[in-house]
Amino acid sequence: MVRGGSSEPTCWMNLWSINVFSAENNPLYASKLYPFISEALGIKNDKIVLLFHDIKAEQLGKPS
């Protein structure tokens, strides 16, 4: 994967949750996740992409 014109290591993370993510909350989550991911993986913040997916409970299925 190339990001920003470089082939340095990159992290692309999809996060899914029920009724948690919002325009107001996402910056707080990102401010906590970016340093953690950067340190854990040894990559720069500009090589990290976080995608927050807020879903409704009825969008999930589980076995009975």
PDB file of N, CA and C in Angstrom:
ATOM      1  N   MET A   1       0.849  -1.166   0.000  1.00  0.00           N
ATOM      2  CA  MET A   1       0.000   0.000   0.000  1.00  0.00           C
ATOM      3  C   MET A   1       0.900   1.236   0.000  1.00  0.00           C
ATOM      4  N   VAL A   2       0.551   2.191  -0.791  1.00  0.00           N
ATOM      5  CA  VAL A   2       1.294   3.445  -0.846  1.00  0.00           C
ATOM      6  C   VAL A   2       0.392   4.550  -0.318  1.00  0.00           C
ATOM      7  N   ARG A   3       0.907   5.346   0.581  1.00  0.00           N
ATOM      8  CA  ARG A   3       0.156   6.480   1.137  1.00  0.00           C
ATOM      9  C   ARG A   3       1.070   7.682   1.156  1.00  0.00           C
ATOM     10  N   GLY A   4       0.600   8.790   0.618  1.00  0.00           N
ATOM     11  CA  GLY A   4       1.398  10.011   0.594  1.00  0.00           C
ATOM     12  C   GLY A   4       2.615   9.894  -0.299  1.00  0.00           C
ATOM     13  N   GLY A   5       2.542   9.057  -1.327  1.00  0.00           N
ATOM     14  CA  GLY A   5       3.643   8.913  -2.264  1.00  0.00           C
ATOM     15  C   GLY A   5       4.815   8.094  -1.748  1.00  0.00           C
ATOM     16  N   SER A   6       4.627   7.392  -0.653  1.00  0.00           N
ATOM     17  CA  SER A   6       5.708   6.613  -0.053  1.00  0.00           C
ATOM     18  C   SER A   6       5.226   5.185   0.200  1.00  0.00           C
ATOM     19  N   SER A   7       6.146   4.248   0.141  1.00  0.00           N
ATOM     20  CA  SER A   7       5.796   2.861   0.442  1.00  0.00           C
ATOM     21  C   SER A   7       6.199   2.477   1.865  1.00  0.00           C
ATOM     22  N   GLU A   8       6.418   3.478   2.742  1.00  0.00           N
ATOM     23  CA  GLU A   8       6.679   3.193   4.158  1.00  0.00           C
ATOM     24  C   GLU A   8       5.470   2.451   4.740  1.00  0.00           C
ATOM     25  N   PRO A   9       5.655   1.706   5.828  1.00  0.00           N
ATOM     26  CA  PRO A   9       4.533   0.981   6.424  1.00  0.00           C
ATOM     27  C   PRO A   9       3.341   1.898   6.701  1.00  0.00           C
ATOM     28  N   THR A  10       2.160   1.373   6.468  1.00  0.00           N
ATOM     29  CA  THR A  10       0.906   2.111   6.607  1.00  0.00           C
ATOM     30  C   THR A  10      -0.098   1.266   7.385  1.00  0.00           C
ATOM     31  N   CYS A  11      -0.962   1.937   8.119  1.00  0.00           N
ATOM     32  CA  CYS A  11      -2.035   1.252   8.844  1.00  0.00           C
ATOM     33  C   CYS A  11      -3.370   1.819   8.382  1.00  0.00           C
ATOM     34  N   TRP A  12      -4.266   0.951   7.973  1.00  0.00           N
ATOM     35  CA  TRP A  12      -5.633   1.325   7.578  1.00  0.00           C
ATOM     36  C   TRP A  12      -6.545   0.538   8.501  1.00  0.00           C
ATOM     37  N   MET A  13      -7.268   1.223   9.385  1.00  0.00           N
ATOM     38  CA  MET A  13      -8.080   0.535  10.379  1.00  0.00           C
ATOM     39  C   MET A  13      -9.549   0.934  10.258  1.00  0.00           C
ATOM     40  N   ASN A  14     -10.407  -0.076  10.154  1.00  0.00           N
ATOM     41  CA  ASN A  14     -11.857   0.122  10.157  1.00  0.00           C
ATOM     42  C   ASN A  14     -12.364  -0.232  11.540  1.00  0.00           C
ATOM     43  N   LEU A  15     -13.103   0.676  12.156  1.00  0.00           N
ATOM     44  CA  LEU A  15     -13.694   0.429  13.470  1.00  0.00           C
ATOM     45  C   LEU A  15     -15.207   0.513  13.344  1.00  0.00           C
ATOM     46  N   TRP A  16     -15.887  -0.523  13.793  1.00  0.00           N
ATOM     47  CA  TRP A  16     -17.345  -0.612  13.716  1.00  0.00           C
ATOM     48  C   TRP A  16     -17.896  -0.672  15.129  1.00  0.00           C
ATOM     49  N   SER A  17     -18.952   0.093  15.386  1.00  0.00           N
ATOM     50  CA  SER A  17     -19.590   0.054  16.689  1.00  0.00           C
ATOM     51  C   SER A  17     -21.046   0.492  16.557  1.00  0.00           C
ATOM     52  N   ILE A  18     -21.838   0.092  17.527  1.00  0.00           N
ATOM     53  CA  ILE A  18     -23.262   0.424  17.519  1.00  0.00           C
ATOM     54  C   ILE A  18     -23.489   1.711  18.307  1.00  0.00           C
ATOM     55  N   ASN A  19     -23.963   2.735  17.611  1.00  0.00           N
ATOM     56  CA  ASN A  19     -24.343   4.013  18.218  1.00  0.00           C
ATOM     57  C   ASN A  19     -23.260   4.627  19.108  1.00  0.00           C
ATOM     58  N   VAL A  20     -21.995   4.575  18.666  1.00  0.00           N
ATOM     59  CA  VAL A  20     -20.896   5.143  19.440  1.00  0.00           C
ATOM     60  C   VAL A  20     -20.233   6.299  18.698  1.00  0.00           C
ATOM     61  N   PHE A  21     -19.999   6.142  17.421  1.00  0.00           N
ATOM     62  CA  PHE A  21     -19.229   7.127  16.671  1.00  0.00           C
ATOM     63  C   PHE A  21     -20.091   8.296  16.232  1.00  0.00           C
ATOM     64  N   SER A  22     -19.495   9.485  16.272  1.00  0.00           N
ATOM     65  CA  SER A  22     -20.187  10.701  15.843  1.00  0.00           C
ATOM     66  C   SER A  22     -19.147  11.767  15.529  1.00  0.00           C
ATOM     67  N   ALA A  23     -19.579  12.825  14.875  1.00  0.00           N
ATOM     68  CA  ALA A  23     -18.674  13.928  14.547  1.00  0.00           C
ATOM     69  C   ALA A  23     -18.073  14.542  15.815  1.00  0.00           C
ATOM     70  N   GLU A  24     -18.821  14.536  16.894  1.00  0.00           N
ATOM     71  CA  GLU A  24     -18.334  15.100  18.149  1.00  0.00           C
ATOM     72  C   GLU A  24     -17.343  14.172  18.853  1.00  0.00           C
ATOM     73  N   ASN A  25     -17.592  12.867  18.823  1.00  0.00           N
ATOM     74  CA  ASN A  25     -16.761  11.904  19.558  1.00  0.00           C
ATOM     75  C   ASN A  25     -15.534  11.428  18.797  1.00  0.00           C
ATOM     76  N   ASN A  26     -15.594  11.370  17.493  1.00  0.00           N
ATOM     77  CA  ASN A  26     -14.504  10.775  16.711  1.00  0.00           C
ATOM     78  C   ASN A  26     -13.145  11.443  16.928  1.00  0.00           C
ATOM     79  N   PRO A  27     -13.060  12.780  17.041  1.00  0.00           N
ATOM     80  CA  PRO A  27     -11.741  13.376  17.307  1.00  0.00           C
ATOM     81  C   PRO A  27     -11.135  12.906  18.634  1.00  0.00           C
ATOM     82  N   LEU A  28     -11.958  12.691  19.642  1.00  0.00           N
ATOM     83  CA  LEU A  28     -11.458  12.187  20.921  1.00  0.00           C
ATOM     84  C   LEU A  28     -10.906  10.777  20.757  1.00  0.00           C
ATOM     85  N   TYR A  29     -11.661   9.918  20.079  1.00  0.00           N
ATOM     86  CA  TYR A  29     -11.181   8.547  19.848  1.00  0.00           C
ATOM     87  C   TYR A  29      -9.884   8.557  19.049  1.00  0.00           C
ATOM     88  N   ALA A  30      -9.828   9.373  18.013  1.00  0.00           N
ATOM     89  CA  ALA A  30      -8.630   9.448  17.179  1.00  0.00           C
ATOM     90  C   ALA A  30      -7.424   9.930  17.981  1.00  0.00           C
ATOM     91  N   SER A  31      -7.631  10.910  18.867  1.00  0.00           N
ATOM     92  CA  SER A  31      -6.511  11.440  19.660  1.00  0.00           C
ATOM     93  C   SER A  31      -5.933  10.387  20.595  1.00  0.00           C
ATOM     94  N   LYS A  32      -6.733   9.414  20.967  1.00  0.00           N
ATOM     95  CA  LYS A  32      -6.246   8.307  21.808  1.00  0.00           C
ATOM     96  C   LYS A  32      -5.638   7.185  20.966  1.00  0.00           C
ATOM     97  N   LEU A  33      -6.246   6.912  19.818  1.00  0.00           N
ATOM     98  CA  LEU A  33      -5.800   5.786  19.000  1.00  0.00           C
ATOM     99  C   LEU A  33      -4.515   6.069  18.220  1.00  0.00           C
ATOM    100  N   TYR A  34      -4.372   7.267  17.671  1.00  0.00           N
ATOM    101  CA  TYR A  34      -3.189   7.556  16.863  1.00  0.00           C
ATOM    102  C   TYR A  34      -1.882   7.328  17.626  1.00  0.00           C
ATOM    103  N   PRO A  35      -1.699   7.873  18.837  1.00  0.00           N
ATOM    104  CA  PRO A  35      -0.436   7.612  19.547  1.00  0.00           C
ATOM    105  C   PRO A  35      -0.236   6.132  19.867  1.00  0.00           C
ATOM    106  N   PHE A  36      -1.304   5.448  20.246  1.00  0.00           N
ATOM    107  CA  PHE A  36      -1.196   4.023  20.561  1.00  0.00           C
ATOM    108  C   PHE A  36      -0.750   3.221  19.344  1.00  0.00           C
ATOM    109  N   ILE A  37      -1.415   3.431  18.214  1.00  0.00           N
ATOM    110  CA  ILE A  37      -1.085   2.694  16.988  1.00  0.00           C
ATOM    111  C   ILE A  37       0.323   3.042  16.523  1.00  0.00           C
ATOM    112  N   SER A  38       0.652   4.322  16.548  1.00  0.00           N
ATOM    113  CA  SER A  38       1.970   4.772  16.108  1.00  0.00           C
ATOM    114  C   SER A  38       3.080   4.106  16.918  1.00  0.00           C
ATOM    115  N   GLU A  39       2.910   4.075  18.241  1.00  0.00           N
ATOM    116  CA  GLU A  39       3.922   3.458  19.102  1.00  0.00           C
ATOM    117  C   GLU A  39       3.958   1.941  18.929  1.00  0.00           C
ATOM    118  N   ALA A  40       2.788   1.316  18.899  1.00  0.00           N
ATOM    119  CA  ALA A  40       2.715  -0.145  18.805  1.00  0.00           C
ATOM    120  C   ALA A  40       3.296  -0.664  17.491  1.00  0.00           C
ATOM    121  N   LEU A  41       3.039   0.069  16.398  1.00  0.00           N
ATOM    122  CA  LEU A  41       3.491  -0.395  15.083  1.00  0.00           C
ATOM    123  C   LEU A  41       4.763   0.292  14.595  1.00  0.00           C
ATOM    124  N   GLY A  42       5.171   1.348  15.291  1.00  0.00           N
ATOM    125  CA  GLY A  42       6.379   2.066  14.897  1.00  0.00           C
ATOM    126  C   GLY A  42       6.226   2.809  13.582  1.00  0.00           C
ATOM    127  N   ILE A  43       5.043   3.391  13.364  1.00  0.00           N
ATOM    128  CA  ILE A  43       4.816   4.148  12.134  1.00  0.00           C
ATOM    129  C   ILE A  43       4.364   5.566  12.479  1.00  0.00           C
ATOM    130  N   LYS A  44       4.521   6.465  11.525  1.00  0.00           N
ATOM    131  CA  LYS A  44       4.160   7.870  11.720  1.00  0.00           C
ATOM    132  C   LYS A  44       2.644   8.053  11.640  1.00  0.00           C
ATOM    133  N   ASN A  45       2.156   9.089  12.342  1.00  0.00           N
ATOM    134  CA  ASN A  45       0.723   9.381  12.341  1.00  0.00           C
ATOM    135  C   ASN A  45       0.182   9.623  10.939  1.00  0.00           C
ATOM    136  N   ASP A  46       0.988  10.231  10.067  1.00  0.00           N
ATOM    137  CA  ASP A  46       0.484  10.521   8.718  1.00  0.00           C
ATOM    138  C   ASP A  46       0.397   9.280   7.846  1.00  0.00           C
ATOM    139  N   LYS A  47       0.774   8.138   8.392  1.00  0.00           N
ATOM    140  CA  LYS A  47       0.654   6.858   7.694  1.00  0.00           C
ATOM    141  C   LYS A  47      -0.476   6.005   8.268  1.00  0.00           C
ATOM    142  N   ILE A  48      -1.292   6.613   9.140  1.00  0.00           N
ATOM    143  CA  ILE A  48      -2.402   5.911   9.784  1.00  0.00           C
ATOM    144  C   ILE A  48      -3.717   6.495   9.278  1.00  0.00           C
ATOM    145  N   VAL A  49      -4.630   5.615   8.891  1.00  0.00           N
ATOM    146  CA  VAL A  49      -5.974   6.022   8.479  1.00  0.00           C
ATOM    147  C   VAL A  49      -6.964   5.280   9.366  1.00  0.00           C
ATOM    148  N   LEU A  50      -7.841   6.026  10.030  1.00  0.00           N
ATOM    149  CA  LEU A  50      -8.885   5.433  10.854  1.00  0.00           C
ATOM    150  C   LEU A  50     -10.232   5.720  10.206  1.00  0.00           C
ATOM    151  N   LEU A  51     -11.031   4.680  10.043  1.00  0.00           N
ATOM    152  CA  LEU A  51     -12.386   4.837   9.509  1.00  0.00           C
ATOM    153  C   LEU A  51     -13.367   4.381  10.584  1.00  0.00           C
ATOM    154  N   PHE A  52     -14.196   5.299  11.045  1.00  0.00           N
ATOM    155  CA  PHE A  52     -15.191   5.004  12.062  1.00  0.00           C
ATOM    156  C   PHE A  52     -16.527   4.732  11.382  1.00  0.00           C
ATOM    157  N   HIS A  53     -17.092   3.569  11.651  1.00  0.00           N
ATOM    158  CA  HIS A  53     -18.381   3.177  11.070  1.00  0.00           C
ATOM    159  C   HIS A  53     -19.391   3.036  12.204  1.00  0.00           C
ATOM    160  N   ASP A  54     -20.346   3.936  12.278  1.00  0.00           N
ATOM    161  CA  ASP A  54     -21.397   3.840  13.276  1.00  0.00           C
ATOM    162  C   ASP A  54     -22.564   3.067  12.653  1.00  0.00           C
ATOM    163  N   ILE A  55     -22.969   1.991  13.295  1.00  0.00           N
ATOM    164  CA  ILE A  55     -24.035   1.167  12.744  1.00  0.00           C
ATOM    165  C   ILE A  55     -25.167   1.021  13.756  1.00  0.00           C
ATOM    166  N   LYS A  56     -26.303   0.581  13.287  1.00  0.00           N
ATOM    167  CA  LYS A  56     -27.460   0.324  14.143  1.00  0.00           C
ATOM    168  C   LYS A  56     -27.484  -1.157  14.507  1.00  0.00           C
ATOM    169  N   ALA A  57     -28.025  -1.457  15.659  1.00  0.00           N
ATOM    170  CA  ALA A  57     -28.056  -2.846  16.139  1.00  0.00           C
ATOM    171  C   ALA A  57     -28.756  -3.763  15.151  1.00  0.00           C
ATOM    172  N   GLU A  58     -29.772  -3.261  14.467  1.00  0.00           N
ATOM    173  CA  GLU A  58     -30.500  -4.119  13.523  1.00  0.00           C
ATOM    174  C   GLU A  58     -29.699  -4.440  12.264  1.00  0.00           C
ATOM    175  N   GLN A  59     -28.538  -3.814  12.099  1.00  0.00           N
ATOM    176  CA  GLN A  59     -27.688  -4.132  10.962  1.00  0.00           C
ATOM    177  C   GLN A  59     -26.825  -5.364  11.225  1.00  0.00           C
ATOM    178  N   LEU A  60     -26.841  -5.876  12.430  1.00  0.00           N
ATOM    179  CA  LEU A  60     -26.039  -7.043  12.796  1.00  0.00           C
ATOM    180  C   LEU A  60     -26.907  -8.282  12.848  1.00  0.00           C
ATOM    181  N   GLY A  61     -26.291  -9.404  12.588  1.00  0.00           N
ATOM    182  CA  GLY A  61     -26.971 -10.679  12.717  1.00  0.00           C
ATOM    183  C   GLY A  61     -26.184 -11.582  13.629  1.00  0.00           C
ATOM    184  N   LYS A  62     -26.855 -12.420  14.368  1.00  0.00           N
ATOM    185  CA  LYS A  62     -26.184 -13.382  15.222  1.00  0.00           C
ATOM    186  C   LYS A  62     -27.010 -14.657  15.259  1.00  0.00           C
ATOM    187  N   PRO A  63     -26.345 -15.785  15.461  1.00  0.00           N
ATOM    188  CA  PRO A  63     -27.090 -17.036  15.517  1.00  0.00           C
ATOM    189  C   PRO A  63     -27.981 -17.077  16.759  1.00  0.00           C
ATOM    190  N   SER A  64     -29.112 -17.771  16.656  1.00  0.00           N
ATOM    191  CA  SER A  64     -30.019 -17.862  17.814  1.00  0.00           C
ATOM    192  C   SER A  64     -29.632 -18.978  18.730  1.00  0.00           C
TER     193      SER A  64
END
